[in-house]
């Protein structure tokens, strides 16, 4: 059974949506990702927010922010491919042919040393560049589109390309996609504030429109329906047994440690990890009780 996210968004009380949703902010250049996340938290009077994938202050674009209990789903959403559009400035004139040949070397698995200012340990690590496409060249400015594995530094990618062609640096960067979240779903801070104002005046429609129910985790994890009588037990943290499932045969092909989502109809119950112990199929990781 496919989970109808639009239906959940329409019928859930707004208070419940605010407890378990995601909002995609179009972050402007300037503020940190953390400060934008805190702004959302304070504006909505939430207990907690957390963002999926940090954007440098000068980088704009898609910044998904989890609200309250949806923060527990961070690990499922975070480590996924990102898409960027940016401008790379060349330090000297280079032919388009030479530039394309050089860029081609950086498509696929590459080695990167994180920048000095990054918060991660500075050691060479492997990342994958899924695509790296030149959209337009105007003098020494190159407009590009790239899809990369999470944790890839685009500034470093531009710098590495530049080392082979006489120098280059990243001039501008915008994230257009973070995992399953796209630019078309994002809202700028001005419109977000207007939606909050409407909500505070008794109209929840603009706010409801921009909230994405966290049940959307069903689009990235294999999802299974449980029986009605199993709901209370699973909400208390009980492991998953075969008899709890509506269609137990569907789960037999899953591998050890694979993550799944369990629902009763449209109601999210938990995420769980396949264990394949004798009678226990999976153990809970996060229960929405």
Protein backbone atom coordinates (compact mmCIF):
# COMPACT_ATOMS: atom_id res chain seq x y z
CA UNK A 1 0.00 0.00 0.00
CA UNK A 2 1.43 3.36 -1.04
CA UNK A 3 1.26 6.04 1.63
CA UNK A 4 -0.71 9.09 0.46
CA UNK A 5 1.34 12.05 1.70
CA UNK A 6 -1.06 14.65 0.28
CA UNK A 7 -3.95 13.02 2.12
CA UNK A 8 -2.01 13.10 5.40
CA UNK A 9 -1.19 16.77 4.85
CA UNK A 10 -4.86 17.58 4.25
CA UNK A 11 -6.46 15.67 7.13
CA UNK A 12 -3.92 15.85 9.95
CA UNK A 13 -4.55 18.56 12.54
CA UNK A 14 -2.00 21.36 12.16
CA UNK A 15 -0.63 20.72 15.67
CA UNK A 16 0.15 17.12 14.71
CA UNK A 17 1.77 18.25 11.46
CA UNK A 18 4.02 20.65 13.36
CA UNK A 19 5.03 17.77 15.62
CA UNK A 20 6.15 15.49 12.78
CA UNK A 21 6.94 17.33 9.55
CA UNK A 22 9.69 18.76 7.38
CA UNK A 23 9.88 22.20 5.85
CA UNK A 24 12.18 23.02 2.94
CA UNK A 25 13.65 26.49 3.28
CA UNK A 26 15.26 28.33 0.37
CA UNK A 27 18.26 29.50 2.36
CA UNK A 28 19.68 32.85 1.23
CA UNK A 29 23.42 33.46 1.13
CA UNK A 30 24.63 35.00 4.38
CA UNK A 31 23.14 33.18 7.37
CA UNK A 32 24.40 29.81 8.59
CA UNK A 33 22.25 26.69 8.21
CA UNK A 34 22.05 26.47 12.01
CA UNK A 35 20.77 30.04 12.36
CA UNK A 36 18.06 29.40 9.73
CA UNK A 37 17.04 26.22 11.57
CA UNK A 38 16.85 28.18 14.85
CA UNK A 39 14.80 30.90 13.15
CA UNK A 40 12.24 28.28 12.04
CA UNK A 41 12.21 26.78 15.55
CA UNK A 42 11.55 30.13 17.22
CA UNK A 43 9.00 31.30 14.65
CA UNK A 44 6.93 28.13 15.06
CA UNK A 45 7.54 27.89 18.84
CA UNK A 46 8.91 24.36 18.50
CA UNK A 47 10.96 22.31 20.95
CA UNK A 48 13.52 21.31 18.37
CA UNK A 49 14.54 21.60 14.71
CA UNK A 50 17.42 20.08 12.76
CA UNK A 51 18.57 20.50 9.17
CA UNK A 52 19.55 17.83 6.63
CA UNK A 53 22.98 18.70 5.24
CA UNK A 54 24.76 21.93 6.11
CA UNK A 55 25.11 24.70 3.54
CA UNK A 56 28.02 27.11 3.88
CA UNK A 57 26.83 30.64 4.79
CA UNK A 58 27.55 32.00 1.28
CA UNK A 59 25.75 29.10 -0.43
CA UNK A 60 22.00 29.38 -1.07
CA UNK A 61 19.27 26.91 -1.86
CA UNK A 62 17.48 23.82 -0.59
CA UNK A 63 17.73 23.37 3.18
CA UNK A 64 15.30 20.74 4.55
CA UNK A 65 14.51 21.28 8.23
CA UNK A 66 12.90 18.64 10.44
CA UNK A 67 10.40 19.76 13.08
CA UNK A 68 10.15 18.30 16.59
CA UNK A 69 9.92 14.49 16.46
CA UNK A 70 10.78 14.38 12.76
CA UNK A 71 14.34 15.23 13.85
CA UNK A 72 14.68 11.55 14.77
CA UNK A 73 14.55 10.71 11.05
CA UNK A 74 17.65 12.75 10.17
CA UNK A 75 19.87 9.76 9.44
CA UNK A 76 17.41 8.37 6.91
CA UNK A 77 17.21 11.60 4.89
CA UNK A 78 20.64 13.11 5.30
CA UNK A 79 23.23 10.93 3.58
CA UNK A 80 21.82 11.22 0.08
CA UNK A 81 22.92 12.78 -3.20
CA UNK A 82 22.90 16.55 -3.58
CA UNK A 83 22.51 18.62 -6.76
CA UNK A 84 24.09 22.05 -7.24
CA UNK A 85 24.22 24.76 -9.86
CA UNK A 86 27.16 27.14 -9.61
CA UNK A 87 29.65 29.44 -11.26
CA UNK A 88 33.32 28.52 -11.49
CA UNK A 89 35.67 31.38 -12.36
CA UNK A 90 38.74 30.42 -14.40
CA UNK A 91 42.00 32.23 -13.67
CA UNK A 92 43.00 32.24 -17.33
CA UNK A 93 41.39 31.58 -20.70
CA UNK A 94 40.88 27.89 -21.43
CA UNK A 95 39.26 26.32 -24.48
CA UNK A 96 35.88 24.70 -23.98
CA UNK A 97 37.30 21.42 -25.27
CA UNK A 98 40.13 21.44 -22.72
CA UNK A 99 37.74 22.37 -19.92
CA UNK A 100 35.33 19.55 -20.76
CA UNK A 101 38.19 17.05 -20.99
CA UNK A 102 39.43 18.11 -17.56
CA UNK A 103 35.98 18.03 -15.95
CA UNK A 104 35.39 14.54 -17.33
CA UNK A 105 38.27 13.29 -15.15
CA UNK A 106 36.30 14.28 -12.07
CA UNK A 107 33.14 12.33 -12.88
CA UNK A 108 32.96 9.10 -10.90
CA UNK A 109 34.88 8.17 -7.74
CA UNK A 110 37.32 10.89 -6.64
CA UNK A 111 39.58 11.52 -3.65
CA UNK A 112 39.04 14.70 -1.65
CA UNK A 113 40.77 16.34 1.29
CA UNK A 114 38.19 18.44 3.18
CA UNK A 115 38.97 22.19 3.34
CA UNK A 116 40.85 23.54 6.36
CA UNK A 117 37.73 25.35 7.61
CA UNK A 118 35.49 22.26 7.46
CA UNK A 119 34.25 20.69 10.68
CA UNK A 120 35.13 17.13 9.65
CA UNK A 121 38.46 15.41 10.20
CA UNK A 122 40.99 16.43 7.54
CA UNK A 123 41.82 13.16 5.87
CA UNK A 124 41.55 12.06 2.26
CA UNK A 125 38.23 10.35 1.57
CA UNK A 126 36.46 8.95 -1.44
CA UNK A 127 33.35 10.59 -2.85
CA UNK A 128 31.41 10.13 -6.08
CA UNK A 129 30.56 12.82 -8.59
CA UNK A 130 27.50 11.48 -10.43
CA UNK A 131 27.44 14.21 -13.08
CA UNK A 132 29.35 17.43 -13.84
CA UNK A 133 27.93 19.40 -16.76
CA UNK A 134 28.87 22.76 -18.27
CA UNK A 135 25.71 24.78 -18.97
CA UNK A 136 27.24 28.01 -20.24
CA UNK A 137 30.58 29.78 -20.57
CA UNK A 138 30.89 33.56 -20.51
CA UNK A 139 34.50 34.71 -20.72
CA UNK A 140 36.12 33.17 -17.62
CA UNK A 141 32.87 32.34 -15.81
CA UNK A 142 31.57 28.78 -16.20
CA UNK A 143 28.00 27.95 -15.23
CA UNK A 144 27.83 24.28 -14.20
CA UNK A 145 25.40 21.68 -12.87
CA UNK A 146 26.60 18.79 -10.74
CA UNK A 147 25.10 15.90 -8.81
CA UNK A 148 27.32 14.52 -6.08
CA UNK A 149 27.42 12.10 -3.20
CA UNK A 150 26.66 13.68 0.18
CA UNK A 151 29.77 15.12 1.76
CA UNK A 152 31.39 16.23 -1.50
CA UNK A 153 32.93 19.71 -1.35
CA UNK A 154 32.09 21.65 -4.51
CA UNK A 155 34.51 24.45 -3.69
CA UNK A 156 37.30 21.85 -3.48
CA UNK A 157 36.09 20.24 -6.72
CA UNK A 158 36.40 23.57 -8.55
CA UNK A 159 39.82 24.13 -7.03
CA UNK A 160 41.03 20.68 -8.07
CA UNK A 161 39.81 21.19 -11.64
CA UNK A 162 41.56 24.56 -11.65
CA UNK A 163 44.91 23.05 -10.70
CA UNK A 164 44.99 21.31 -14.08
CA UNK A 165 44.02 24.31 -16.20
CA UNK A 166 45.85 27.26 -14.66
CA UNK A 167 43.60 27.92 -11.69
CA UNK A 168 39.88 28.23 -10.90
CA UNK A 169 37.68 28.91 -7.91
CA UNK A 170 34.00 28.65 -7.05
CA UNK A 171 32.32 32.03 -7.41
CA UNK A 172 28.70 31.18 -6.59
CA UNK A 173 26.82 28.05 -5.55
CA UNK A 174 23.19 27.07 -5.09
CA UNK A 175 21.81 23.72 -3.98
CA UNK A 176 18.77 22.73 -6.03
CA UNK A 177 18.16 19.27 -4.57
CA UNK A 178 18.99 17.51 -1.29
CA UNK A 179 18.06 13.84 -1.38
CA UNK A 180 14.35 13.68 -2.19
CA UNK A 181 13.76 17.38 -1.45
CA UNK A 182 13.72 19.74 -4.44
CA UNK A 183 13.86 23.46 -5.11
CA UNK A 184 10.21 23.47 -6.19
CA UNK A 185 9.21 22.47 -2.62
CA UNK A 186 11.18 25.26 -0.97
CA UNK A 187 9.95 28.52 0.50
CA UNK A 188 11.95 31.69 1.07
CA UNK A 189 12.13 33.23 4.52
CA UNK A 190 9.89 36.16 3.58
CA UNK A 191 7.02 33.88 2.48
CA UNK A 192 7.65 31.63 5.47
CA UNK A 193 7.17 34.61 7.79
CA UNK A 194 3.95 35.53 5.96
CA UNK A 195 2.64 31.97 6.45
CA UNK A 196 3.44 32.22 10.18
CA UNK A 197 1.60 35.53 10.39
CA UNK A 198 -1.45 34.00 8.73
CA UNK A 199 -1.27 31.02 11.09
CA UNK A 200 -1.10 33.29 14.13
CA UNK A 201 -4.20 35.07 12.79
CA UNK A 202 -6.14 31.80 12.59
CA UNK A 203 -5.50 30.78 8.97
CA UNK A 204 -3.37 27.62 8.79
CA UNK A 205 -3.71 27.05 5.01
CA UNK A 206 -0.46 28.77 3.90
CA UNK A 207 1.53 26.98 6.63
CA UNK A 208 -0.13 23.63 5.95
CA UNK A 209 0.77 24.01 2.28
CA UNK A 210 4.51 24.20 2.99
CA UNK A 211 4.70 21.46 5.63
CA UNK A 212 5.79 18.05 4.32
CA UNK A 213 4.54 15.21 6.57
CA UNK A 214 7.50 13.17 7.81
CA UNK A 215 5.62 10.09 6.66
CA UNK A 216 7.43 10.87 3.39
CA UNK A 217 10.14 8.59 4.82
CA UNK A 218 8.00 5.90 3.18
CA UNK A 219 9.43 6.99 -0.20
CA UNK A 220 13.01 6.16 0.80
CA UNK A 221 12.52 3.08 3.02
CA UNK A 222 10.74 -0.14 2.16
CA UNK A 223 7.35 0.17 3.80
CA UNK A 224 5.17 -2.55 5.30
CA UNK A 225 1.65 -2.62 6.71
CA UNK A 226 1.02 -4.11 10.13
CA UNK A 227 -2.14 -5.61 11.58
CA UNK A 228 -4.40 -3.48 13.76
CA UNK A 229 -3.90 -5.68 16.82
CA UNK A 230 -0.10 -5.25 16.57
CA UNK A 231 -0.23 -1.45 16.82
CA UNK A 232 -0.35 -1.07 20.66
CA UNK A 233 2.47 -3.58 21.18
CA UNK A 234 4.76 -2.01 18.57
CA UNK A 235 4.12 1.46 19.99
CA UNK A 236 5.46 0.13 23.30
CA UNK A 237 8.70 -0.88 21.58
CA UNK A 238 8.04 -4.58 21.00
CA UNK A 239 10.19 -6.26 18.29
CA UNK A 240 8.51 -7.09 15.00
CA UNK A 241 7.32 -10.68 14.52
CA UNK A 242 6.07 -12.24 11.32
CA UNK A 243 2.53 -12.49 12.67
CA UNK A 244 2.44 -8.68 13.13
CA UNK A 245 2.59 -8.10 9.38
CA UNK A 246 -0.36 -7.96 7.02
CA UNK A 247 1.64 -9.61 4.24
CA UNK A 248 4.53 -11.42 5.97
CA UNK A 249 5.88 -13.03 2.79
CA UNK A 250 6.84 -9.58 1.41
CA UNK A 251 9.57 -9.14 4.00
CA UNK A 252 11.41 -12.44 3.49
CA UNK A 253 13.86 -11.08 0.90
CA UNK A 254 15.24 -8.28 3.09
CA UNK A 255 18.86 -8.35 4.23
CA UNK A 256 20.32 -8.16 7.72
CA UNK A 257 20.40 -4.57 9.09
CA UNK A 258 18.22 -3.19 6.28
CA UNK A 259 16.01 -0.32 7.47
CA UNK A 260 12.23 -0.41 7.00
CA UNK A 261 9.19 1.72 7.87
CA UNK A 262 6.04 0.27 9.42
CA UNK A 263 2.58 1.76 8.97
CA UNK A 264 -0.97 0.92 9.94
CA UNK A 265 -2.91 2.25 6.95
CA UNK A 266 -1.71 5.90 6.69
CA UNK A 267 -0.45 6.01 10.27
CA UNK A 268 3.32 5.90 10.76
CA UNK A 269 4.29 3.53 13.57
CA UNK A 270 8.07 3.19 13.48
CA UNK A 271 11.29 2.65 11.61
CA UNK A 272 13.01 -0.65 12.31
CA UNK A 273 16.14 -2.62 11.47
CA UNK A 274 15.99 -6.14 10.05
CA UNK A 275 17.65 -8.62 12.42
CA UNK A 276 16.41 -12.01 11.21
CA UNK A 277 16.67 -13.55 14.64
CA UNK A 278 14.81 -16.82 15.03
CA UNK A 279 11.29 -15.47 15.50
CA UNK A 280 12.08 -11.75 15.52
CA UNK A 281 12.14 -10.11 12.10
CA UNK A 282 13.17 -6.58 13.09
CA UNK A 283 13.85 -4.37 16.09
CA UNK A 284 12.60 -0.77 16.42
CA UNK A 285 14.90 2.20 15.82
CA UNK A 286 12.39 5.03 16.20
CA UNK A 287 8.82 4.64 17.44
CA UNK A 288 6.31 7.48 17.05
CA UNK A 289 4.37 6.87 20.26
